[in-house]
């Protein structure tokens, strides 16, 4: 099995507020014929998910801590070349949701 790719996204909201924003923001996330997000129920502070892109399934999870969100995905070999742009998109979306307002 491939090694998971992990990204840590710092925040200063506290665990509860970060979770609330992520839950709310991910529910409204649009899907397309090229990319869909299948969320699983949250288990405490962790949400497993599957992203479907280009006919591939990408398992992953979000884990919310007091000052960091940990994003973990396992990319199939075919999609490893897309990790850079995919990572930037995911980080950008999460940072928008976690900005202190």
C-alpha atoms as a PDB file:
ATOM      1  CA  UNK A   1       0.000   0.000   0.000  1.00  0.00           C
ATOM      2  CA  UNK A   2       1.211   3.515  -0.814  1.00  0.00           C
ATOM      3  CA  UNK A   3       2.446   5.808   1.911  1.00  0.00           C
ATOM      4  CA  UNK A   4      -0.103   8.463   2.891  1.00  0.00           C
ATOM      5  CA  UNK A   5       0.609  12.057   1.953  1.00  0.00           C
ATOM      6  CA  UNK A   6       0.093  14.350   4.923  1.00  0.00           C
ATOM      7  CA  UNK A   7      -0.449  18.104   5.116  1.00  0.00           C
ATOM      8  CA  UNK A   8      -0.749  20.089   8.350  1.00  0.00           C
ATOM      9  CA  UNK A   9      -2.768  23.304   8.208  1.00  0.00           C
ATOM     10  CA  UNK A  10      -2.303  25.543  11.251  1.00  0.00           C
ATOM     11  CA  UNK A  11      -5.181  27.554  12.711  1.00  0.00           C
ATOM     12  CA  UNK A  12      -5.924  29.636  15.794  1.00  0.00           C
ATOM     13  CA  UNK A  13      -9.640  28.890  16.177  1.00  0.00           C
ATOM     14  CA  UNK A  14      -9.632  26.081  18.701  1.00  0.00           C
ATOM     15  CA  UNK A  15     -10.802  22.570  17.884  1.00  0.00           C
ATOM     16  CA  UNK A  16     -14.552  23.206  18.213  1.00  0.00           C
ATOM     17  CA  UNK A  17     -14.738  26.249  15.946  1.00  0.00           C
ATOM     18  CA  UNK A  18     -12.398  24.704  13.361  1.00  0.00           C
ATOM     19  CA  UNK A  19     -14.593  21.590  13.223  1.00  0.00           C
ATOM     20  CA  UNK A  20     -17.759  23.666  12.905  1.00  0.00           C
ATOM     21  CA  UNK A  21     -16.339  25.641   9.987  1.00  0.00           C
ATOM     22  CA  UNK A  22     -15.002  22.577   8.201  1.00  0.00           C
ATOM     23  CA  UNK A  23     -18.260  20.664   8.626  1.00  0.00           C
ATOM     24  CA  UNK A  24     -20.257  23.609   7.324  1.00  0.00           C
ATOM     25  CA  UNK A  25     -17.888  24.399   4.460  1.00  0.00           C
ATOM     26  CA  UNK A  26     -17.517  20.833   3.262  1.00  0.00           C
ATOM     27  CA  UNK A  27     -21.286  20.315   3.136  1.00  0.00           C
ATOM     28  CA  UNK A  28     -21.557  23.138   0.626  1.00  0.00           C
ATOM     29  CA  UNK A  29     -18.621  21.976  -1.491  1.00  0.00           C
ATOM     30  CA  UNK A  30     -19.691  21.592  -5.120  1.00  0.00           C
ATOM     31  CA  UNK A  31     -18.947  18.394  -6.993  1.00  0.00           C
ATOM     32  CA  UNK A  32     -18.417  17.925 -10.685  1.00  0.00           C
ATOM     33  CA  UNK A  33     -18.223  15.074 -13.132  1.00  0.00           C
ATOM     34  CA  UNK A  34     -14.428  15.138 -12.698  1.00  0.00           C
ATOM     35  CA  UNK A  35     -14.229  15.423  -8.909  1.00  0.00           C
ATOM     36  CA  UNK A  36     -16.563  14.355  -6.116  1.00  0.00           C
ATOM     37  CA  UNK A  37     -16.091  14.230  -2.345  1.00  0.00           C
ATOM     38  CA  UNK A  38     -17.809  11.433  -0.457  1.00  0.00           C
ATOM     39  CA  UNK A  39     -17.774  12.285   3.231  1.00  0.00           C
ATOM     40  CA  UNK A  40     -18.163   9.725   5.955  1.00  0.00           C
ATOM     41  CA  UNK A  41     -19.651  10.627   9.349  1.00  0.00           C
ATOM     42  CA  UNK A  42     -17.347  12.460  11.739  1.00  0.00           C
ATOM     43  CA  UNK A  43     -15.939  10.282  14.523  1.00  0.00           C
ATOM     44  CA  UNK A  44     -15.071  12.677  17.321  1.00  0.00           C
ATOM     45  CA  UNK A  45     -12.613  15.061  15.607  1.00  0.00           C
ATOM     46  CA  UNK A  46     -11.861  12.939  12.516  1.00  0.00           C
ATOM     47  CA  UNK A  47     -13.684  12.663   9.202  1.00  0.00           C
ATOM     48  CA  UNK A  48     -12.784   9.911   6.745  1.00  0.00           C
ATOM     49  CA  UNK A  49     -13.568  10.656   3.108  1.00  0.00           C
ATOM     50  CA  UNK A  50     -13.094   9.439  -0.436  1.00  0.00           C
ATOM     51  CA  UNK A  51     -12.401  11.744  -3.354  1.00  0.00           C
ATOM     52  CA  UNK A  52     -13.244  10.346  -6.756  1.00  0.00           C
ATOM     53  CA  UNK A  53     -11.226  11.876  -9.594  1.00  0.00           C
ATOM     54  CA  UNK A  54     -10.468  10.678 -13.097  1.00  0.00           C
ATOM     55  CA  UNK A  55     -11.999   7.269 -12.372  1.00  0.00           C
ATOM     56  CA  UNK A  56      -9.777   6.800  -9.318  1.00  0.00           C
ATOM     57  CA  UNK A  57     -10.732   6.568  -5.631  1.00  0.00           C
ATOM     58  CA  UNK A  58      -8.588   8.561  -3.231  1.00  0.00           C
ATOM     59  CA  UNK A  59      -9.111   7.658   0.430  1.00  0.00           C
ATOM     60  CA  UNK A  60      -8.230  10.203   3.066  1.00  0.00           C
ATOM     61  CA  UNK A  61      -9.119  11.821   6.345  1.00  0.00           C
ATOM     62  CA  UNK A  62      -9.288  15.169   8.106  1.00  0.00           C
ATOM     63  CA  UNK A  63      -8.302  15.321  11.747  1.00  0.00           C
ATOM     64  CA  UNK A  64      -8.911  18.540  13.684  1.00  0.00           C
ATOM     65  CA  UNK A  65      -6.632  19.457  16.557  1.00  0.00           C
ATOM     66  CA  UNK A  66      -6.556  22.472  18.875  1.00  0.00           C
ATOM     67  CA  UNK A  67      -4.275  24.426  16.520  1.00  0.00           C
ATOM     68  CA  UNK A  68      -3.820  22.307  13.388  1.00  0.00           C
ATOM     69  CA  UNK A  69      -5.871  20.376  10.855  1.00  0.00           C
ATOM     70  CA  UNK A  70      -4.171  17.244   9.562  1.00  0.00           C
ATOM     71  CA  UNK A  71      -5.132  16.200   6.040  1.00  0.00           C
ATOM     72  CA  UNK A  72      -4.065  12.722   4.935  1.00  0.00           C
ATOM     73  CA  UNK A  73      -4.617  11.140   1.509  1.00  0.00           C
ATOM     74  CA  UNK A  74      -3.393   7.986  -0.202  1.00  0.00           C
ATOM     75  CA  UNK A  75      -2.964   8.657  -3.907  1.00  0.00           C
ATOM     76  CA  UNK A  76      -2.919   5.928  -6.535  1.00  0.00           C
ATOM     77  CA  UNK A  77       0.273   5.959  -8.622  1.00  0.00           C
ATOM     78  CA  UNK A  78      -1.615   7.455 -11.582  1.00  0.00           C
ATOM     79  CA  UNK A  79      -2.510  10.584  -9.586  1.00  0.00           C
ATOM     80  CA  UNK A  80       0.789  11.182  -7.753  1.00  0.00           C
ATOM     81  CA  UNK A  81       1.814  13.658 -10.458  1.00  0.00           C
ATOM     82  CA  UNK A  82      -1.294  15.688  -9.626  1.00  0.00           C
ATOM     83  CA  UNK A  83      -0.451  15.897  -5.904  1.00  0.00           C
ATOM     84  CA  UNK A  84       1.017  19.409  -6.151  1.00  0.00           C
ATOM     85  CA  UNK A  85      -2.051  21.095  -7.672  1.00  0.00           C
ATOM     86  CA  UNK A  86      -4.456  18.933  -5.625  1.00  0.00           C
ATOM     87  CA  UNK A  87      -2.599  19.774  -2.411  1.00  0.00           C
ATOM     88  CA  UNK A  88      -2.663  23.510  -3.169  1.00  0.00           C
ATOM     89  CA  UNK A  89      -6.407  23.381  -3.882  1.00  0.00           C
ATOM     90  CA  UNK A  90      -7.165  21.493  -0.657  1.00  0.00           C
ATOM     91  CA  UNK A  91      -4.937  23.741   1.463  1.00  0.00           C
ATOM     92  CA  UNK A  92      -6.443  26.868  -0.094  1.00  0.00           C
ATOM     93  CA  UNK A  93      -9.998  25.698   0.594  1.00  0.00           C
ATOM     94  CA  UNK A  94      -9.185  24.699   4.185  1.00  0.00           C
ATOM     95  CA  UNK A  95      -7.381  27.998   4.895  1.00  0.00           C
ATOM     96  CA  UNK A  96     -10.396  29.957   3.659  1.00  0.00           C
ATOM     97  CA  UNK A  97     -12.657  28.014   6.019  1.00  0.00           C
ATOM     98  CA  UNK A  98     -10.235  28.412   8.932  1.00  0.00           C
ATOM     99  CA  UNK A  99      -9.458  32.126   8.572  1.00  0.00           C
ATOM    100  CA  UNK A 100     -10.122  34.045  11.745  1.00  0.00           C
ATOM    101  CA  UNK A 101     -13.062  36.367  11.111  1.00  0.00           C
END
